[in-house]
Amino acid sequence: MNKTIYAMVALLSILAGAVGFYFISQAKQLPAPKYALHYQQARPLSAFTFTDELERDFNNAHLQGKWSLVFFGYTSCPDVCPTTLQNLNFIYDDLTAIASNSQVLLVTVDPKRDNITKLAQYIAYFNPEFKALRAEHDVLFPFARNLGLMYAITSKETSKSGDDMSGSDENYWVDHSASLALINPEGKVAAIFRPEQEVGQVPTIDNDKLLSDYQKIVALYNK
């Protein structure tokens, strides 16, 4: 009888321990990002070299140890670019509060018209801590594809024709993604923040949703 009682007590103790472990482990699980496209396995980036707004080289090594929010744009962009950069400026203190090693990178998709001087003046208008990067299309396009962001040159006059008008004519737009790519401190693509599109409105990324998911992604990385 005593052996039976001891066995039951031992079994109950084991069950209680298992249940307790389950609830503790559940409590330790961090919430997943709700809005961003978050890669469970961060995607590596191929080697690249850009020139920054101070005319210095900027390559993969400059991503190490930092959380980098990358946006494709250009200084002649009429709407999406200034709106996105202004929104990032509004929440920059919040971003750095979540991760002090945060940086914002504007990559121009219009290297023909965006020289270093123009980029430096443009990015400083939004935030002097933001960086602007430039490279020719032979470097830029593979980098864009690597991030999962795309762009295309379109003539203002013949945009419906589908012809590539990136030659001598400077009367063109650059169609580009309004998304933000997030690169983790290992220099790998961790997530994509996509804009919300409403009819007749400039596509923008909701700041509250971005901050919420950014905090979750950083926490998951650091756990």
C-alpha atoms as a PDB file:
ATOM      1  CA  MET A   1       0.000   0.000   0.000  1.00  0.00           C
ATOM      2  CA  ASN A   2       2.786   2.382   0.994  1.00  0.00           C
ATOM      3  CA  LYS A   3       4.602   1.656  -2.264  1.00  0.00           C
ATOM      4  CA  THR A   4       1.432   2.466  -4.186  1.00  0.00           C
ATOM      5  CA  ILE A   5       1.017   5.761  -2.344  1.00  0.00           C
ATOM      6  CA  TYR A   6       4.670   6.659  -2.914  1.00  0.00           C
ATOM      7  CA  ALA A   7       4.310   5.863  -6.594  1.00  0.00           C
ATOM      8  CA  MET A   8       1.203   8.027  -6.903  1.00  0.00           C
ATOM      9  CA  VAL A   9       2.893  10.913  -5.084  1.00  0.00           C
ATOM     10  CA  ALA A  10       5.916  10.612  -7.355  1.00  0.00           C
ATOM     11  CA  LEU A  11       3.715  10.534 -10.442  1.00  0.00           C
ATOM     12  CA  LEU A  12       1.772  13.586  -9.300  1.00  0.00           C
ATOM     13  CA  SER A  13       5.030  15.415  -8.613  1.00  0.00           C
ATOM     14  CA  ILE A  14       6.272  14.625 -12.101  1.00  0.00           C
ATOM     15  CA  LEU A  15       2.997  15.776 -13.640  1.00  0.00           C
ATOM     16  CA  ALA A  16       3.018  18.974 -11.595  1.00  0.00           C
ATOM     17  CA  GLY A  17       6.582  19.660 -12.669  1.00  0.00           C
ATOM     18  CA  ALA A  18       5.741  19.038 -16.316  1.00  0.00           C
ATOM     19  CA  VAL A  19       2.723  21.349 -16.165  1.00  0.00           C
ATOM     20  CA  GLY A  20       4.761  24.027 -14.427  1.00  0.00           C
ATOM     21  CA  PHE A  21       7.532  23.759 -17.006  1.00  0.00           C
ATOM     22  CA  TYR A  22       4.982  24.039 -19.811  1.00  0.00           C
ATOM     23  CA  PHE A  23       3.478  27.248 -18.454  1.00  0.00           C
ATOM     24  CA  ILE A  24       6.894  28.754 -17.728  1.00  0.00           C
ATOM     25  CA  SER A  25       8.102  27.937 -21.233  1.00  0.00           C
ATOM     26  CA  GLN A  26       4.920  29.395 -22.698  1.00  0.00           C
ATOM     27  CA  ALA A  27       5.404  32.577 -20.709  1.00  0.00           C
ATOM     28  CA  LYS A  28       8.948  32.886 -22.064  1.00  0.00           C
ATOM     29  CA  GLN A  29       7.815  32.704 -25.683  1.00  0.00           C
ATOM     30  CA  LEU A  30       7.977  36.124 -27.271  1.00  0.00           C
ATOM     31  CA  PRO A  31       5.195  37.403 -29.511  1.00  0.00           C
ATOM     32  CA  ALA A  32       5.812  37.235 -33.246  1.00  0.00           C
ATOM     33  CA  PRO A  33       5.634  40.305 -35.501  1.00  0.00           C
ATOM     34  CA  LYS A  34       2.087  40.891 -36.656  1.00  0.00           C
ATOM     35  CA  TYR A  35       2.409  43.140 -39.693  1.00  0.00           C
ATOM     36  CA  ALA A  36       5.895  42.800 -41.189  1.00  0.00           C
ATOM     37  CA  LEU A  37       7.104  40.021 -43.450  1.00  0.00           C
ATOM     38  CA  HIS A  38       9.521  38.475 -40.955  1.00  0.00           C
ATOM     39  CA  TYR A  39      12.006  35.886 -42.210  1.00  0.00           C
ATOM     40  CA  GLN A  40      12.476  33.023 -39.769  1.00  0.00           C
ATOM     41  CA  GLN A  41      15.846  32.490 -41.427  1.00  0.00           C
ATOM     42  CA  ALA A  42      17.397  35.880 -42.166  1.00  0.00           C
ATOM     43  CA  ARG A  43      18.535  36.211 -45.781  1.00  0.00           C
ATOM     44  CA  PRO A  44      22.234  36.858 -46.473  1.00  0.00           C
ATOM     45  CA  LEU A  45      23.324  39.798 -48.615  1.00  0.00           C
ATOM     46  CA  SER A  46      25.876  39.537 -51.395  1.00  0.00           C
ATOM     47  CA  ALA A  47      28.912  41.808 -51.264  1.00  0.00           C
ATOM     48  CA  PHE A  48      28.292  45.411 -52.325  1.00  0.00           C
ATOM     49  CA  THR A  49      29.965  48.812 -52.172  1.00  0.00           C
ATOM     50  CA  PHE A  50      28.116  52.132 -52.299  1.00  0.00           C
ATOM     51  CA  THR A  51      29.274  55.713 -51.779  1.00  0.00           C
ATOM     52  CA  ASP A  52      27.647  57.593 -48.897  1.00  0.00           C
ATOM     53  CA  GLU A  53      26.694  61.269 -48.622  1.00  0.00           C
ATOM     54  CA  LEU A  54      30.167  62.071 -47.268  1.00  0.00           C
ATOM     55  CA  GLU A  55      31.831  60.446 -50.292  1.00  0.00           C
ATOM     56  CA  ARG A  56      33.024  57.478 -48.254  1.00  0.00           C
ATOM     57  CA  ASP A  57      32.701  53.815 -49.162  1.00  0.00           C
ATOM     58  CA  PHE A  58      29.770  52.015 -47.566  1.00  0.00           C
ATOM     59  CA  ASN A  59      29.750  48.224 -47.763  1.00  0.00           C
ATOM     60  CA  ASN A  60      28.572  45.117 -45.925  1.00  0.00           C
ATOM     61  CA  ALA A  61      30.905  45.835 -43.018  1.00  0.00           C
ATOM     62  CA  HIS A  62      28.946  49.009 -42.222  1.00  0.00           C
ATOM     63  CA  LEU A  63      25.842  46.908 -41.533  1.00  0.00           C
ATOM     64  CA  GLN A  64      27.561  44.822 -38.878  1.00  0.00           C
ATOM     65  CA  GLY A  65      26.394  45.508 -35.337  1.00  0.00           C
ATOM     66  CA  LYS A  66      23.502  47.704 -36.455  1.00  0.00           C
ATOM     67  CA  TRP A  67      19.803  47.456 -37.188  1.00  0.00           C
ATOM     68  CA  SER A  68      19.438  49.070 -40.609  1.00  0.00           C
ATOM     69  CA  LEU A  69      16.173  50.310 -42.092  1.00  0.00           C
ATOM     70  CA  VAL A  70      16.718  50.593 -45.847  1.00  0.00           C
ATOM     71  CA  PHE A  71      14.499  52.670 -48.121  1.00  0.00           C
ATOM     72  CA  PHE A  72      14.781  53.042 -51.896  1.00  0.00           C
ATOM     73  CA  GLY A  73      14.040  56.546 -53.160  1.00  0.00           C
ATOM     74  CA  TYR A  74      15.417  59.557 -55.022  1.00  0.00           C
ATOM     75  CA  THR A  75      15.596  63.302 -54.592  1.00  0.00           C
ATOM     76  CA  SER A  76      13.167  64.100 -57.435  1.00  0.00           C
ATOM     77  CA  CYS A  77      10.490  61.805 -56.010  1.00  0.00           C
ATOM     78  CA  PRO A  78       7.317  63.890 -55.596  1.00  0.00           C
ATOM     79  CA  ASP A  79       5.476  62.047 -52.839  1.00  0.00           C
ATOM     80  CA  VAL A  80       6.423  58.613 -51.463  1.00  0.00           C
ATOM     81  CA  CYS A  81      10.039  59.468 -50.647  1.00  0.00           C
ATOM     82  CA  PRO A  82       9.568  62.699 -48.681  1.00  0.00           C
ATOM     83  CA  THR A  83       6.561  61.219 -46.890  1.00  0.00           C
ATOM     84  CA  THR A  84       8.425  58.063 -45.864  1.00  0.00           C
ATOM     85  CA  LEU A  85      11.570  59.894 -44.773  1.00  0.00           C
ATOM     86  CA  GLN A  86       9.556  62.409 -42.766  1.00  0.00           C
ATOM     87  CA  ASN A  87       7.680  59.587 -41.044  1.00  0.00           C
ATOM     88  CA  LEU A  88      10.966  57.870 -40.210  1.00  0.00           C
ATOM     89  CA  ASN A  89      12.238  61.134 -38.774  1.00  0.00           C
ATOM     90  CA  PHE A  90       9.126  61.397 -36.580  1.00  0.00           C
ATOM     91  CA  ILE A  91       9.786  57.973 -35.026  1.00  0.00           C
ATOM     92  CA  TYR A  92      13.589  57.965 -35.080  1.00  0.00           C
ATOM     93  CA  ASP A  93      13.854  58.536 -31.321  1.00  0.00           C
ATOM     94  CA  ASP A  94      11.464  55.614 -30.783  1.00  0.00           C
ATOM     95  CA  LEU A  95      13.532  53.397 -33.080  1.00  0.00           C
ATOM     96  CA  THR A  96      16.735  54.192 -31.211  1.00  0.00           C
ATOM     97  CA  ALA A  97      14.957  53.656 -27.881  1.00  0.00           C
ATOM     98  CA  ILE A  98      14.149  50.111 -29.021  1.00  0.00           C
ATOM     99  CA  ALA A  99      17.658  49.544 -30.383  1.00  0.00           C
ATOM    100  CA  SER A 100      20.308  52.217 -29.853  1.00  0.00           C
ATOM    101  CA  ASN A 101      22.243  50.792 -32.807  1.00  0.00           C
ATOM    102  CA  SER A 102      19.495  51.667 -35.311  1.00  0.00           C
ATOM    103  CA  GLN A 103      20.324  53.433 -38.567  1.00  0.00           C
ATOM    104  CA  VAL A 104      18.233  54.688 -41.490  1.00  0.00           C
ATOM    105  CA  LEU A 105      19.637  54.324 -45.004  1.00  0.00           C
ATOM    106  CA  LEU A 106      18.261  55.984 -48.129  1.00  0.00           C
ATOM    107  CA  VAL A 107      19.485  54.243 -51.283  1.00  0.00           C
ATOM    108  CA  THR A 108      18.957  56.355 -54.382  1.00  0.00           C
ATOM    109  CA  VAL A 109      17.430  54.593 -57.370  1.00  0.00           C
ATOM    110  CA  ASP A 110      18.338  57.563 -59.575  1.00  0.00           C
ATOM    111  CA  PRO A 111      22.149  57.693 -59.635  1.00  0.00           C
ATOM    112  CA  LYS A 112      22.087  59.623 -62.924  1.00  0.00           C
ATOM    113  CA  ARG A 113      20.567  62.743 -61.357  1.00  0.00           C
ATOM    114  CA  ASP A 114      21.392  62.182 -57.688  1.00  0.00           C
ATOM    115  CA  ASN A 115      25.012  63.155 -57.201  1.00  0.00           C
ATOM    116  CA  ILE A 116      26.649  63.088 -53.782  1.00  0.00           C
ATOM    117  CA  THR A 117      26.147  66.798 -53.122  1.00  0.00           C
ATOM    118  CA  LYS A 118      22.453  66.605 -53.892  1.00  0.00           C
ATOM    119  CA  LEU A 119      22.023  63.503 -51.737  1.00  0.00           C
ATOM    120  CA  ALA A 120      23.841  65.095 -48.803  1.00  0.00           C
ATOM    121  CA  GLN A 121      21.611  68.158 -48.882  1.00  0.00           C
ATOM    122  CA  TYR A 122      18.470  66.090 -49.328  1.00  0.00           C
ATOM    123  CA  ILE A 123      19.014  63.602 -46.512  1.00  0.00           C
ATOM    124  CA  ALA A 124      20.180  66.292 -44.057  1.00  0.00           C
ATOM    125  CA  TYR A 125      16.856  68.064 -44.509  1.00  0.00           C
ATOM    126  CA  PHE A 126      15.039  65.111 -42.936  1.00  0.00           C
ATOM    127  CA  ASN A 127      17.552  64.052 -40.300  1.00  0.00           C
ATOM    128  CA  PRO A 128      21.325  64.645 -40.109  1.00  0.00           C
ATOM    129  CA  GLU A 129      21.773  61.153 -38.655  1.00  0.00           C
ATOM    130  CA  PHE A 130      20.217  59.459 -41.679  1.00  0.00           C
ATOM    131  CA  LYS A 131      22.572  58.225 -44.379  1.00  0.00           C
ATOM    132  CA  ALA A 132      22.211  58.380 -48.168  1.00  0.00           C
ATOM    133  CA  LEU A 133      23.885  55.864 -50.467  1.00  0.00           C
ATOM    134  CA  ARG A 134      24.630  55.902 -54.179  1.00  0.00           C
ATOM    135  CA  ALA A 135      25.882  53.371 -56.741  1.00  0.00           C
ATOM    136  CA  GLU A 136      25.484  52.812 -60.454  1.00  0.00           C
ATOM    137  CA  HIS A 137      22.780  50.461 -61.678  1.00  0.00           C
ATOM    138  CA  ASP A 138      25.181  47.525 -62.114  1.00  0.00           C
ATOM    139  CA  VAL A 139      25.609  47.533 -58.314  1.00  0.00           C
ATOM    140  CA  LEU A 140      22.213  48.904 -57.386  1.00  0.00           C
ATOM    141  CA  PHE A 141      19.983  46.460 -59.232  1.00  0.00           C
ATOM    142  CA  PRO A 142      21.535  43.253 -57.792  1.00  0.00           C
ATOM    143  CA  PHE A 143      21.365  44.836 -54.332  1.00  0.00           C
ATOM    144  CA  ALA A 144      17.684  45.667 -54.814  1.00  0.00           C
ATOM    145  CA  ARG A 145      16.921  42.158 -55.992  1.00  0.00           C
ATOM    146  CA  ASN A 146      18.857  40.732 -53.035  1.00  0.00           C
ATOM    147  CA  LEU A 147      16.673  42.744 -50.647  1.00  0.00           C
ATOM    148  CA  GLY A 148      13.474  41.809 -52.456  1.00  0.00           C
ATOM    149  CA  LEU A 149      12.825  45.432 -53.470  1.00  0.00           C
ATOM    150  CA  MET A 150      12.579  46.544 -57.084  1.00  0.00           C
ATOM    151  CA  TYR A 151      12.657  49.714 -59.165  1.00  0.00           C
ATOM    152  CA  ALA A 152      12.263  50.723 -62.819  1.00  0.00           C
ATOM    153  CA  ILE A 153      12.943  53.817 -64.935  1.00  0.00           C
ATOM    154  CA  THR A 154       9.837  55.145 -66.702  1.00  0.00           C
ATOM    155  CA  SER A 155       9.602  58.103 -69.083  1.00  0.00           C
ATOM    156  CA  LYS A 156       7.062  60.740 -68.059  1.00  0.00           C
ATOM    157  CA  GLU A 157       6.055  61.182 -71.680  1.00  0.00           C
ATOM    158  CA  THR A 158       5.960  57.558 -72.805  1.00  0.00           C
ATOM    159  CA  SER A 159       5.275  55.697 -69.568  1.00  0.00           C
ATOM    160  CA  LYS A 160       2.447  53.759 -71.204  1.00  0.00           C
ATOM    161  CA  SER A 161       4.716  52.347 -73.886  1.00  0.00           C
ATOM    162  CA  GLY A 162       6.797  50.291 -71.496  1.00  0.00           C
ATOM    163  CA  ASP A 163      10.020  51.439 -73.186  1.00  0.00           C
ATOM    164  CA  ASP A 164      13.195  51.932 -71.155  1.00  0.00           C
ATOM    165  CA  MET A 165      13.936  55.658 -71.268  1.00  0.00           C
ATOM    166  CA  SER A 166      17.049  55.689 -69.074  1.00  0.00           C
ATOM    167  CA  GLY A 167      19.314  57.071 -71.804  1.00  0.00           C
ATOM    168  CA  SER A 168      20.104  60.757 -72.340  1.00  0.00           C
ATOM    169  CA  ASP A 169      16.531  61.925 -71.687  1.00  0.00           C
ATOM    170  CA  GLU A 170      16.198  63.128 -68.078  1.00  0.00           C
ATOM    171  CA  ASN A 171      12.443  63.586 -68.268  1.00  0.00           C
ATOM    172  CA  TYR A 172      11.598  60.415 -66.358  1.00  0.00           C
ATOM    173  CA  TRP A 173      10.192  58.982 -63.142  1.00  0.00           C
ATOM    174  CA  VAL A 174      11.604  56.095 -61.162  1.00  0.00           C
ATOM    175  CA  ASP A 175       8.970  53.596 -60.073  1.00  0.00           C
ATOM    176  CA  HIS A 176      10.177  51.971 -56.874  1.00  0.00           C
ATOM    177  CA  SER A 177       9.026  50.000 -53.879  1.00  0.00           C
ATOM    178  CA  ALA A 178       7.637  51.974 -50.945  1.00  0.00           C
ATOM    179  CA  SER A 179       8.606  49.163 -48.560  1.00  0.00           C
ATOM    180  CA  LEU A 180      11.362  49.245 -45.958  1.00  0.00           C
ATOM    181  CA  ALA A 181      13.866  46.424 -45.639  1.00  0.00           C
ATOM    182  CA  LEU A 182      15.201  45.655 -42.172  1.00  0.00           C
ATOM    183  CA  ILE A 183      18.753  44.309 -41.958  1.00  0.00           C
ATOM    184  CA  ASN A 184      19.876  42.735 -38.686  1.00  0.00           C
ATOM    185  CA  PRO A 185      23.237  43.267 -36.917  1.00  0.00           C
ATOM    186  CA  GLU A 186      24.690  40.294 -38.788  1.00  0.00           C
ATOM    187  CA  GLY A 187      24.109  42.109 -42.071  1.00  0.00           C
ATOM    188  CA  LYS A 188      21.237  39.842 -43.129  1.00  0.00           C
ATOM    189  CA  VAL A 189      17.730  40.770 -44.280  1.00  0.00           C
ATOM    190  CA  ALA A 190      15.427  40.172 -41.314  1.00  0.00           C
ATOM    191  CA  ALA A 191      12.101  41.631 -42.443  1.00  0.00           C
ATOM    192  CA  ILE A 192      10.180  43.753 -44.926  1.00  0.00           C
ATOM    193  CA  PHE A 193       7.774  46.469 -43.778  1.00  0.00           C
ATOM    194  CA  ARG A 194       5.144  47.026 -46.448  1.00  0.00           C
ATOM    195  CA  PRO A 195       3.082  50.186 -46.963  1.00  0.00           C
ATOM    196  CA  GLU A 196      -0.659  50.483 -46.714  1.00  0.00           C
ATOM    197  CA  GLN A 197      -2.312  51.614 -49.931  1.00  0.00           C
ATOM    198  CA  GLU A 198      -5.541  53.590 -49.978  1.00  0.00           C
ATOM    199  CA  VAL A 199      -7.178  54.834 -53.160  1.00  0.00           C
ATOM    200  CA  GLY A 200      -5.991  58.340 -53.952  1.00  0.00           C
ATOM    201  CA  GLN A 201      -3.459  58.362 -51.103  1.00  0.00           C
ATOM    202  CA  VAL A 202       0.323  58.099 -50.993  1.00  0.00           C
ATOM    203  CA  PRO A 203       1.312  54.572 -49.870  1.00  0.00           C
ATOM    204  CA  THR A 204       2.772  54.797 -46.377  1.00  0.00           C
ATOM    205  CA  ILE A 205       3.888  52.456 -43.633  1.00  0.00           C
ATOM    206  CA  ASP A 206       1.931  52.854 -40.414  1.00  0.00           C
ATOM    207  CA  ASN A 207       4.375  54.145 -37.795  1.00  0.00           C
ATOM    208  CA  ASP A 208       2.690  52.436 -34.847  1.00  0.00           C
ATOM    209  CA  LYS A 209       2.672  49.073 -36.616  1.00  0.00           C
ATOM    210  CA  LEU A 210       6.286  49.497 -37.666  1.00  0.00           C
ATOM    211  CA  LEU A 211       7.408  50.288 -34.117  1.00  0.00           C
ATOM    212  CA  SER A 212       5.386  47.432 -32.662  1.00  0.00           C
ATOM    213  CA  ASP A 213       6.902  44.873 -35.008  1.00  0.00           C
ATOM    214  CA  TYR A 214      10.374  46.390 -34.816  1.00  0.00           C
ATOM    215  CA  GLN A 215      10.361  45.911 -31.058  1.00  0.00           C
ATOM    216  CA  LYS A 216       9.247  42.292 -31.445  1.00  0.00           C
ATOM    217  CA  ILE A 217      11.851  41.504 -34.101  1.00  0.00           C
ATOM    218  CA  VAL A 218      14.671  43.003 -32.030  1.00  0.00           C
ATOM    219  CA  ALA A 219      13.483  41.111 -28.933  1.00  0.00           C
ATOM    220  CA  LEU A 220      13.327  37.816 -30.832  1.00  0.00           C
ATOM    221  CA  TYR A 221      16.831  38.377 -32.165  1.00  0.00           C
ATOM    222  CA  ASN A 222      18.209  39.142 -28.698  1.00  0.00           C
ATOM    223  CA  LYS A 223      16.499  36.326 -26.803  1.00  0.00           C
END
